[in-house]
Protein backbone atom coordinates (compact mmCIF):
# COMPACT_ATOMS: atom_id res chain seq x y z
CA MET A 1 -7.62 86.67 120.97
CA ALA A 2 -9.48 83.07 121.07
CA ILE A 3 -8.59 80.35 119.61
CA THR A 4 -11.21 79.74 116.32
CA VAL A 5 -11.53 77.26 114.30
CA ALA A 6 -9.43 79.57 112.00
CA THR A 7 -6.71 79.17 114.40
CA LEU A 8 -6.87 75.40 113.92
CA LYS A 9 -6.73 75.05 111.08
CA GLY A 10 -3.46 77.27 110.58
CA GLU A 11 -1.98 74.41 112.81
CA LEU A 12 -2.73 71.39 110.65
CA LYS A 13 -1.98 70.79 106.94
CA GLY A 14 -5.02 71.34 104.63
CA TYR A 15 -5.54 67.34 104.20
CA ASN A 16 -4.64 66.33 108.14
CA TYR A 17 -7.89 68.93 109.05
CA LYS A 18 -10.21 67.41 105.88
CA MET A 19 -9.17 63.62 107.09
CA LEU A 20 -9.32 65.05 110.97
CA THR A 21 -12.64 67.02 110.39
CA GLY A 22 -14.19 65.22 107.65
CA ASP A 23 -13.86 68.86 106.04
CA ASP A 24 -16.35 69.78 108.48
CA ASP A 25 -15.76 72.88 110.54
CA GLN A 26 -18.48 72.26 113.11
CA VAL A 27 -16.21 68.88 114.73
CA ALA A 28 -13.27 71.24 115.02
CA SER A 29 -15.66 74.16 116.68
CA ARG A 30 -16.30 71.63 119.23
CA ALA A 31 -13.04 70.63 119.60
CA ILE A 32 -12.47 73.92 120.83
CA GLU A 33 -15.36 74.27 123.21
CA LYS A 34 -13.92 70.70 124.83
CA ALA A 35 -10.37 72.11 124.76
CA VAL A 36 -11.52 75.25 126.63
CA ILE A 37 -13.96 73.50 129.32
CA TRP A 38 -10.99 71.16 130.42
CA ALA A 39 -8.30 73.79 130.64
CA LYS A 40 -11.30 75.96 132.29
CA ALA A 41 -11.11 73.26 134.98
CA LYS A 42 -7.78 72.34 134.98
CA VAL A 43 -6.44 75.66 135.61
CA ILE A 44 -9.06 76.90 137.97
CA ALA A 45 -8.36 74.64 140.38
CA VAL A 46 -5.25 75.57 140.74
CA ALA A 47 -5.24 79.13 139.56
CA GLY A 48 -8.57 80.15 140.74
CA VAL A 49 -9.32 81.78 137.36
CA PHE A 50 -8.67 81.32 133.66
CA ASP A 51 -7.95 83.79 131.31
CA PRO A 52 -8.28 83.00 127.38
CA GLU A 53 -6.66 85.40 126.82
CA THR A 54 -2.91 85.18 128.32
CA GLU A 55 -0.72 83.18 125.98
CA ILE A 56 0.08 79.67 128.03
CA ASN A 57 -4.00 79.40 128.06
CA ARG A 58 -4.37 79.83 124.68
CA GLU A 59 -1.45 77.02 124.00
CA LEU A 60 -3.33 75.06 126.51
CA VAL A 61 -6.63 75.27 124.78
CA LEU A 62 -4.83 74.95 120.96
CA LYS A 63 -2.41 71.65 122.10
CA ARG A 64 -5.75 69.98 123.99
CA ALA A 65 -7.92 70.90 120.69
CA LEU A 66 -5.80 69.42 118.34
CA TYR A 67 -5.61 66.02 120.83
CA GLU A 68 -10.11 66.48 120.38
CA LEU A 69 -8.96 66.13 116.97
CA TYR A 70 -6.94 63.39 116.46
CA SER A 71 -9.04 61.73 119.69
CA TYR A 72 -12.75 62.49 117.45
CA ALA A 73 -10.63 61.06 114.09
CA GLU A 74 -9.59 57.60 115.98
CA ASN A 75 -5.65 58.47 115.42
CA GLU A 76 -4.85 57.28 118.90
CA ALA A 77 -1.33 57.79 118.97
CA VAL A 78 -1.24 61.23 117.60
CA ALA A 79 -3.42 61.46 120.10
CA GLN A 80 -1.55 60.75 122.82
CA ASP A 81 0.92 62.63 121.99
CA LYS A 82 -1.18 65.92 121.48
CA ARG A 83 -2.53 65.59 124.98
CA GLU A 84 0.49 64.64 126.07
CA ASP A 85 2.04 68.00 125.04
CA ALA A 86 -1.11 69.78 126.53
CA LEU A 87 -0.53 68.21 130.05
CA GLU A 88 3.54 69.08 130.19
CA LEU A 89 2.40 72.67 129.58
CA LEU A 90 -0.14 72.58 132.07
CA LYS A 91 2.49 71.33 134.25
CA ALA A 92 5.26 73.22 133.38
CA ALA A 93 2.54 76.47 134.10
CA TYR A 94 0.80 75.67 137.03
CA GLY A 95 2.95 72.74 138.57
CA SER A 96 2.44 69.43 138.60
CA GLY A 97 -0.89 68.58 140.90
CA VAL A 98 -3.13 69.79 138.29
CA ASP A 99 -2.59 66.11 136.65
CA SER A 100 -4.78 63.90 138.50
CA SER A 101 -4.26 60.85 136.43
CA THR A 102 -1.35 60.70 137.75
CA ASN A 103 -2.69 61.28 141.64
CA GLU A 104 0.04 63.55 141.99
CA GLY A 105 -0.38 66.25 145.05
CA ALA A 106 -3.66 63.81 146.08
CA PRO A 107 -3.72 62.97 149.93
CA THR A 108 -3.12 59.16 150.92
CA SER A 109 -2.81 57.18 153.67
CA GLU A 110 0.82 56.49 153.32
CA GLY A 111 2.43 57.19 156.92
CA TYR A 112 -0.92 57.71 158.89
CA ALA A 113 -2.07 54.52 161.48
CA THR A 114 -5.20 53.08 160.20
CA ALA A 115 -7.26 50.53 161.87
CA ARG A 116 -10.28 49.18 161.77
CA VAL A 117 -12.61 47.30 164.96
CA LYS A 118 -13.28 44.08 164.00
CA GLU A 119 -16.68 42.26 164.98
CA HIS A 120 -15.83 39.09 166.89
CA PRO A 121 -19.07 37.31 168.52
CA ARG A 122 -17.30 37.90 172.21
CA ASN A 123 -17.96 41.23 171.89
CA LYS A 124 -21.29 40.93 169.42
CA ASP A 125 -23.67 42.38 171.61
CA PHE A 126 -21.29 45.60 171.94
CA PHE A 127 -21.66 45.94 168.24
CA LEU A 128 -25.75 46.15 168.61
CA ARG A 129 -25.99 48.66 171.30
CA LYS A 130 -26.80 52.27 170.33
CA PRO A 131 -22.88 54.22 170.74
CA TYR A 132 -24.31 56.02 174.31
CA GLU A 133 -25.02 52.85 175.62
CA ASN A 134 -21.38 51.51 175.09
CA ARG A 135 -20.08 54.38 176.67
CA VAL A 136 -22.00 54.45 179.52
CA GLN A 137 -21.39 50.29 179.83
CA THR A 138 -17.43 51.03 179.59
CA HIS A 139 -17.60 53.13 182.20
CA HIS A 140 -19.72 51.62 184.36
CA THR A 141 -17.82 48.43 184.28
CA GLN A 142 -14.94 50.46 184.12
CA ARG A 143 -15.77 51.45 187.74
CA ASN A 144 -16.82 47.90 188.72
CA GLN A 145 -13.62 46.41 187.87
CA ASP A 146 -11.78 49.37 190.18
CA ARG A 147 -13.99 48.37 192.95
């Protein structure tokens, strides 16, 4: 059973729902749509498929929809808590690699040797040649030095 406006209303006290949505169910509906898109993107990136009927995914959508509502109402302190709740559940269910905000699991250059060739006036003409000419010149120069 997918998350509906009624499900969302059931998670909030009546006055909170009115305050967050302005008593407009379209606001809640849009929050659910955004939450589903977010959950799909995160879960598909890790698991390859998103089933909205699983208990974990339903809870993810619900928590993220609550975040969307509090964010819409500009209650950023509570919105941040709801966002963290959704991320904690997401990480617990699918692993820490799903949270791109921390760059966990992202490739880094740490541990790898990196270098940049610096253009210098002494070898400026080397940079003006085409790559093939550079190889030919280097090869011929090396051969002439060996003689």
